[in-house]
Amino acid sequence: MAERWSPKPKVAGSIPARPASKMTLKDLKSKIVAVPDWPKKGVVFRDITPALEDKKCLRFLIDELAKMAADQGIDKVVGIDARGFILAAPLAYKLKAGLAIARKQGKLPRATVSETYNLEYASEIIEMHQDSIKKGERILLVDDVLATGGTMASAVKIVGKLGGKVAGVLFFIELKDLAGRAKLKGQKIKSLIKF
């Protein structure tokens, strides 16, 4: 016999939490923690994990991203390694789309297409399986942060090589001072929160 989940007991005198529908972008932004000098000196890392750990913030975040991509006729959402995966999977579900992933080199087991990109602190190679996108599919690319734009620009190139049509590029956070939009000219770019 299957075990049933019990409802959460009510605690006398407890204060009801703010529903996800009543949250604001300001509430969401307050959950993002700035970590200076990580992963190297001079870099300010924006840690989104506190926002993801809060169940109401996470629901609000995914709902807001889905609104930004609604009515685009998306066939597949591509999540960028690694935090982009966290956002892309529930977003694909909400948009009734498929999910594809772009990973760092050496992480995919079958034949891939690759591109090199530069971060503000390193250089990497990103790959997708050769059969992950069908010709003509409308693709939404998703990542947690738009910084220098190199990662996403490489993913856009791979989607093009595979015959996909980029319908939009979506980010949780945009770091405006790093001017990542310049590497994504011609793309429909949307970001939820800007720093």
C-alpha atoms as a PDB file:
ATOM      1  CA  MET A   1       0.000   0.000   0.000  1.00  0.00           C
ATOM      2  CA  ALA A   2       1.366   3.424  -0.969  1.00  0.00           C
ATOM      3  CA  GLU A   3       2.264   5.788   1.834  1.00  0.00           C
ATOM      4  CA  ARG A   4       0.301   9.066   1.858  1.00  0.00           C
ATOM      5  CA  TRP A   5       1.699  12.484   2.573  1.00  0.00           C
ATOM      6  CA  SER A   6       0.248  14.097   5.652  1.00  0.00           C
ATOM      7  CA  PRO A   7      -0.766  17.764   5.522  1.00  0.00           C
ATOM      8  CA  LYS A   8       1.562  20.150   7.336  1.00  0.00           C
ATOM      9  CA  PRO A   9       0.224  20.728  10.857  1.00  0.00           C
ATOM     10  CA  LYS A  10      -0.888  24.274  11.678  1.00  0.00           C
ATOM     11  CA  VAL A  11       1.064  25.939  14.456  1.00  0.00           C
ATOM     12  CA  ALA A  12      -0.956  28.126  16.807  1.00  0.00           C
ATOM     13  CA  GLY A  13       0.080  31.780  16.537  1.00  0.00           C
ATOM     14  CA  SER A  14       2.142  31.254  13.374  1.00  0.00           C
ATOM     15  CA  ILE A  15       2.315  34.098  10.871  1.00  0.00           C
ATOM     16  CA  PRO A  16       1.172  33.098   7.391  1.00  0.00           C
ATOM     17  CA  ALA A  17       3.895  33.397   4.760  1.00  0.00           C
ATOM     18  CA  ARG A  18       3.426  35.785   1.842  1.00  0.00           C
ATOM     19  CA  PRO A  19       1.943  33.835  -1.092  1.00  0.00           C
ATOM     20  CA  ALA A  20       4.064  33.620  -4.248  1.00  0.00           C
ATOM     21  CA  SER A  21       1.436  35.712  -6.069  1.00  0.00           C
ATOM     22  CA  LYS A  22       2.018  38.572  -3.592  1.00  0.00           C
ATOM     23  CA  MET A  23       5.776  38.567  -3.955  1.00  0.00           C
ATOM     24  CA  THR A  24       7.563  41.300  -5.851  1.00  0.00           C
ATOM     25  CA  LEU A  25      10.784  41.507  -7.824  1.00  0.00           C
ATOM     26  CA  LYS A  26      12.176  43.504  -4.899  1.00  0.00           C
ATOM     27  CA  ASP A  27      11.491  40.534  -2.597  1.00  0.00           C
ATOM     28  CA  LEU A  28      13.206  38.218  -5.063  1.00  0.00           C
ATOM     29  CA  LYS A  29      16.193  40.547  -5.504  1.00  0.00           C
ATOM     30  CA  SER A  30      16.660  40.701  -1.724  1.00  0.00           C
ATOM     31  CA  LYS A  31      17.343  36.935  -1.729  1.00  0.00           C
ATOM     32  CA  ILE A  32      20.347  37.244  -4.067  1.00  0.00           C
ATOM     33  CA  VAL A  33      23.612  37.411  -2.108  1.00  0.00           C
ATOM     34  CA  ALA A  34      26.687  39.279  -3.401  1.00  0.00           C
ATOM     35  CA  VAL A  35      29.893  37.336  -2.695  1.00  0.00           C
ATOM     36  CA  PRO A  36      32.980  39.516  -3.300  1.00  0.00           C
ATOM     37  CA  ASP A  37      36.249  38.125  -4.658  1.00  0.00           C
ATOM     38  CA  TRP A  38      34.818  34.756  -5.692  1.00  0.00           C
ATOM     39  CA  PRO A  39      35.891  32.672  -7.579  1.00  0.00           C
ATOM     40  CA  LYS A  40      38.813  35.096  -7.839  1.00  0.00           C
ATOM     41  CA  LYS A  41      39.764  38.555  -6.617  1.00  0.00           C
ATOM     42  CA  GLY A  42      37.824  41.365  -8.259  1.00  0.00           C
ATOM     43  CA  VAL A  43      34.786  39.256  -9.212  1.00  0.00           C
ATOM     44  CA  VAL A  44      31.479  39.791  -7.384  1.00  0.00           C
ATOM     45  CA  PHE A  45      29.546  36.533  -7.593  1.00  0.00           C
ATOM     46  CA  ARG A  46      25.747  36.779  -7.370  1.00  0.00           C
ATOM     47  CA  ASP A  47      24.584  33.730  -5.403  1.00  0.00           C
ATOM     48  CA  ILE A  48      21.027  32.780  -6.359  1.00  0.00           C
ATOM     49  CA  THR A  49      20.820  29.738  -4.077  1.00  0.00           C
ATOM     50  CA  PRO A  50      18.964  31.580  -1.255  1.00  0.00           C
ATOM     51  CA  ALA A  51      16.214  32.486  -3.768  1.00  0.00           C
ATOM     52  CA  LEU A  52      16.044  28.871  -4.977  1.00  0.00           C
ATOM     53  CA  GLU A  53      15.922  27.504  -1.426  1.00  0.00           C
ATOM     54  CA  ASP A  54      12.854  29.616  -0.582  1.00  0.00           C
ATOM     55  CA  LYS A  55       9.866  27.736  -2.032  1.00  0.00           C
ATOM     56  CA  LYS A  56       7.780  30.870  -2.527  1.00  0.00           C
ATOM     57  CA  CYS A  57      10.644  32.731  -4.221  1.00  0.00           C
ATOM     58  CA  LEU A  58      11.318  29.790  -6.512  1.00  0.00           C
ATOM     59  CA  ARG A  59       7.680  29.579  -7.609  1.00  0.00           C
ATOM     60  CA  PHE A  60       7.540  33.331  -8.145  1.00  0.00           C
ATOM     61  CA  LEU A  61      10.798  33.242 -10.145  1.00  0.00           C
ATOM     62  CA  ILE A  62       9.635  30.491 -12.497  1.00  0.00           C
ATOM     63  CA  ASP A  63       6.199  32.078 -12.909  1.00  0.00           C
ATOM     64  CA  GLU A  64       7.772  35.441 -13.802  1.00  0.00           C
ATOM     65  CA  LEU A  65      10.194  33.876 -16.297  1.00  0.00           C
ATOM     66  CA  ALA A  66       7.295  31.975 -17.885  1.00  0.00           C
ATOM     67  CA  LYS A  67       5.339  35.224 -18.300  1.00  0.00           C
ATOM     68  CA  MET A  68       8.323  36.735 -20.123  1.00  0.00           C
ATOM     69  CA  ALA A  69       8.343  33.834 -22.605  1.00  0.00           C
ATOM     70  CA  ALA A  70       4.594  33.284 -22.996  1.00  0.00           C
ATOM     71  CA  ASP A  71       2.995  33.164 -26.448  1.00  0.00           C
ATOM     72  CA  GLN A  72       6.333  32.624 -28.217  1.00  0.00           C
ATOM     73  CA  GLY A  73       5.508  29.150 -29.555  1.00  0.00           C
ATOM     74  CA  ILE A  74       8.593  27.638 -27.902  1.00  0.00           C
ATOM     75  CA  ASP A  75       9.412  24.069 -28.955  1.00  0.00           C
ATOM     76  CA  LYS A  76      12.414  23.608 -26.648  1.00  0.00           C
ATOM     77  CA  VAL A  77      14.035  25.403 -23.757  1.00  0.00           C
ATOM     78  CA  VAL A  78      17.822  25.125 -23.637  1.00  0.00           C
ATOM     79  CA  GLY A  79      19.370  25.321 -20.158  1.00  0.00           C
ATOM     80  CA  ILE A  80      22.991  26.413 -19.879  1.00  0.00           C
ATOM     81  CA  ASP A  81      25.389  24.479 -17.606  1.00  0.00           C
ATOM     82  CA  ALA A  82      24.881  24.484 -14.724  1.00  0.00           C
ATOM     83  CA  ARG A  83      22.527  26.857 -12.915  1.00  0.00           C
ATOM     84  CA  GLY A  84      20.594  27.397 -16.142  1.00  0.00           C
ATOM     85  CA  PHE A  85      19.407  23.774 -15.810  1.00  0.00           C
ATOM     86  CA  ILE A  86      17.625  24.658 -12.561  1.00  0.00           C
ATOM     87  CA  LEU A  87      15.568  27.331 -14.316  1.00  0.00           C
ATOM     88  CA  ALA A  88      15.122  25.662 -17.698  1.00  0.00           C
ATOM     89  CA  ALA A  89      13.446  22.434 -16.565  1.00  0.00           C
ATOM     90  CA  PRO A  90      10.470  23.941 -14.702  1.00  0.00           C
ATOM     91  CA  LEU A  91      10.221  26.671 -17.343  1.00  0.00           C
ATOM     92  CA  ALA A  92      10.010  24.080 -20.140  1.00  0.00           C
ATOM     93  CA  TYR A  93       7.281  22.317 -18.163  1.00  0.00           C
ATOM     94  CA  LYS A  94       5.271  25.531 -17.770  1.00  0.00           C
ATOM     95  CA  LEU A  95       5.706  26.419 -21.463  1.00  0.00           C
ATOM     96  CA  LYS A  96       4.758  22.855 -22.523  1.00  0.00           C
ATOM     97  CA  ALA A  97       8.081  22.616 -24.346  1.00  0.00           C
ATOM     98  CA  GLY A  98      10.901  20.101 -24.497  1.00  0.00           C
ATOM     99  CA  LEU A  99      14.180  20.548 -22.630  1.00  0.00           C
ATOM    100  CA  ALA A 100      17.699  20.455 -24.073  1.00  0.00           C
ATOM    101  CA  ILE A 101      20.957  21.178 -22.285  1.00  0.00           C
ATOM    102  CA  ALA A 102      24.231  22.876 -23.148  1.00  0.00           C
ATOM    103  CA  ARG A 103      27.058  21.443 -21.057  1.00  0.00           C
ATOM    104  CA  LYS A 104      30.709  22.063 -20.423  1.00  0.00           C
ATOM    105  CA  GLN A 105      33.093  20.003 -22.540  1.00  0.00           C
ATOM    106  CA  GLY A 106      33.328  16.289 -21.808  1.00  0.00           C
ATOM    107  CA  LYS A 107      30.002  15.945 -19.965  1.00  0.00           C
ATOM    108  CA  LEU A 108      27.810  14.642 -22.815  1.00  0.00           C
ATOM    109  CA  PRO A 109      28.148  10.971 -23.870  1.00  0.00           C
ATOM    110  CA  ARG A 110      27.220  11.143 -27.566  1.00  0.00           C
ATOM    111  CA  ALA A 111      28.298  13.149 -30.633  1.00  0.00           C
ATOM    112  CA  THR A 112      28.289  16.888 -29.926  1.00  0.00           C
ATOM    113  CA  VAL A 113      28.630  20.328 -31.484  1.00  0.00           C
ATOM    114  CA  SER A 114      30.862  22.712 -29.514  1.00  0.00           C
ATOM    115  CA  GLU A 115      31.857  26.367 -29.165  1.00  0.00           C
ATOM    116  CA  THR A 116      34.497  28.126 -27.070  1.00  0.00           C
ATOM    117  CA  TYR A 117      33.549  31.066 -24.844  1.00  0.00           C
ATOM    118  CA  ASN A 118      35.215  33.405 -22.369  1.00  0.00           C
ATOM    119  CA  LEU A 119      33.972  34.277 -18.903  1.00  0.00           C
ATOM    120  CA  GLU A 120      35.125  37.300 -16.950  1.00  0.00           C
ATOM    121  CA  TYR A 121      37.561  34.959 -15.161  1.00  0.00           C
ATOM    122  CA  ALA A 122      38.135  31.898 -17.421  1.00  0.00           C
ATOM    123  CA  SER A 123      37.788  30.282 -20.857  1.00  0.00           C
ATOM    124  CA  GLU A 124      35.584  27.220 -21.470  1.00  0.00           C
ATOM    125  CA  ILE A 125      34.010  25.054 -24.176  1.00  0.00           C
ATOM    126  CA  ILE A 126      30.273  24.412 -24.288  1.00  0.00           C
ATOM    127  CA  GLU A 127      28.605  21.505 -26.130  1.00  0.00           C
ATOM    128  CA  MET A 128      25.210  20.155 -27.109  1.00  0.00           C
ATOM    129  CA  HIS A 129      24.274  16.766 -28.529  1.00  0.00           C
ATOM    130  CA  GLN A 130      24.036  16.886 -32.323  1.00  0.00           C
ATOM    131  CA  ASP A 131      20.471  15.559 -32.225  1.00  0.00           C
ATOM    132  CA  SER A 132      19.166  17.684 -29.337  1.00  0.00           C
ATOM    133  CA  ILE A 133      17.455  20.216 -31.619  1.00  0.00           C
ATOM    134  CA  LYS A 134      15.497  19.540 -34.793  1.00  0.00           C
ATOM    135  CA  LYS A 135      15.716  21.864 -37.789  1.00  0.00           C
ATOM    136  CA  GLY A 136      13.254  24.745 -37.523  1.00  0.00           C
ATOM    137  CA  GLU A 137      12.433  24.302 -33.819  1.00  0.00           C
ATOM    138  CA  ARG A 138      11.809  27.534 -31.907  1.00  0.00           C
ATOM    139  CA  ILE A 139      14.299  27.694 -29.062  1.00  0.00           C
ATOM    140  CA  LEU A 140      14.346  29.683 -25.831  1.00  0.00           C
ATOM    141  CA  LEU A 141      17.784  29.791 -24.200  1.00  0.00           C
ATOM    142  CA  VAL A 142      17.893  30.255 -20.422  1.00  0.00           C
ATOM    143  CA  ASP A 143      20.677  30.958 -17.929  1.00  0.00           C
ATOM    144  CA  ASP A 144      20.922  32.366 -14.443  1.00  0.00           C
ATOM    145  CA  VAL A 145      23.194  35.343 -15.159  1.00  0.00           C
ATOM    146  CA  LEU A 146      24.077  37.513 -18.150  1.00  0.00           C
ATOM    147  CA  ALA A 147      27.612  38.683 -17.413  1.00  0.00           C
ATOM    148  CA  THR A 148      30.027  39.078 -20.342  1.00  0.00           C
ATOM    149  CA  GLY A 149      27.665  37.194 -22.675  1.00  0.00           C
ATOM    150  CA  GLY A 150      30.245  34.717 -23.949  1.00  0.00           C
ATOM    151  CA  THR A 151      28.520  31.576 -22.684  1.00  0.00           C
ATOM    152  CA  MET A 152      25.156  32.488 -24.145  1.00  0.00           C
ATOM    153  CA  ALA A 153      26.644  33.732 -27.429  1.00  0.00           C
ATOM    154  CA  SER A 154      28.274  30.314 -27.866  1.00  0.00           C
ATOM    155  CA  ALA A 155      25.011  28.527 -27.088  1.00  0.00           C
ATOM    156  CA  VAL A 156      23.201  30.710 -29.645  1.00  0.00           C
ATOM    157  CA  LYS A 157      25.805  29.690 -32.274  1.00  0.00           C
ATOM    158  CA  ILE A 158      25.324  25.999 -31.477  1.00  0.00           C
ATOM    159  CA  VAL A 159      21.529  26.301 -31.793  1.00  0.00           C
ATOM    160  CA  GLY A 160      22.080  27.905 -35.216  1.00  0.00           C
ATOM    161  CA  LYS A 161      24.449  25.124 -36.298  1.00  0.00           C
ATOM    162  CA  LEU A 162      21.807  22.556 -35.323  1.00  0.00           C
ATOM    163  CA  GLY A 163      19.143  24.332 -37.383  1.00  0.00           C
ATOM    164  CA  GLY A 164      17.129  25.782 -34.506  1.00  0.00           C
ATOM    165  CA  LYS A 165      15.602  29.262 -34.532  1.00  0.00           C
ATOM    166  CA  VAL A 166      16.370  31.317 -31.432  1.00  0.00           C
ATOM    167  CA  ALA A 167      13.054  32.807 -30.308  1.00  0.00           C
ATOM    168  CA  GLY A 168      14.565  34.487 -27.258  1.00  0.00           C
ATOM    169  CA  VAL A 169      17.264  34.570 -24.626  1.00  0.00           C
ATOM    170  CA  LEU A 170      16.194  34.761 -21.001  1.00  0.00           C
ATOM    171  CA  PHE A 171      18.138  35.463 -17.793  1.00  0.00           C
ATOM    172  CA  PHE A 172      17.287  35.596 -14.109  1.00  0.00           C
ATOM    173  CA  ILE A 173      19.954  38.288 -13.483  1.00  0.00           C
ATOM    174  CA  GLU A 174      21.758  40.755 -15.737  1.00  0.00           C
ATOM    175  CA  LEU A 175      25.014  42.411 -14.659  1.00  0.00           C
ATOM    176  CA  LYS A 176      24.732  45.627 -16.673  1.00  0.00           C
ATOM    177  CA  ASP A 177      28.313  46.836 -16.085  1.00  0.00           C
ATOM    178  CA  LEU A 178      29.707  43.793 -17.920  1.00  0.00           C
ATOM    179  CA  ALA A 179      27.813  44.696 -21.125  1.00  0.00           C
ATOM    180  CA  GLY A 180      26.957  41.115 -22.086  1.00  0.00           C
ATOM    181  CA  ARG A 181      24.179  42.287 -24.418  1.00  0.00           C
ATOM    182  CA  ALA A 182      26.835  43.474 -26.870  1.00  0.00           C
ATOM    183  CA  LYS A 183      27.754  39.839 -27.647  1.00  0.00           C
ATOM    184  CA  LEU A 184      24.112  38.962 -28.237  1.00  0.00           C
ATOM    185  CA  LYS A 185      23.228  41.589 -30.840  1.00  0.00           C
ATOM    186  CA  GLY A 186      20.170  40.695 -32.875  1.00  0.00           C
ATOM    187  CA  GLN A 187      18.719  38.478 -30.114  1.00  0.00           C
ATOM    188  CA  LYS A 188      15.538  39.125 -28.129  1.00  0.00           C
ATOM    189  CA  ILE A 189      17.034  39.406 -24.647  1.00  0.00           C
ATOM    190  CA  LYS A 190      15.039  39.616 -21.439  1.00  0.00           C
ATOM    191  CA  SER A 191      16.315  39.655 -17.867  1.00  0.00           C
ATOM    192  CA  LEU A 192      14.220  39.603 -14.731  1.00  0.00           C
ATOM    193  CA  ILE A 193      16.559  41.456 -12.335  1.00  0.00           C
ATOM    194  CA  LYS A 194      19.384  43.868 -13.120  1.00  0.00           C
ATOM    195  CA  PHE A 195      22.409  44.824 -11.037  1.00  0.00           C
END
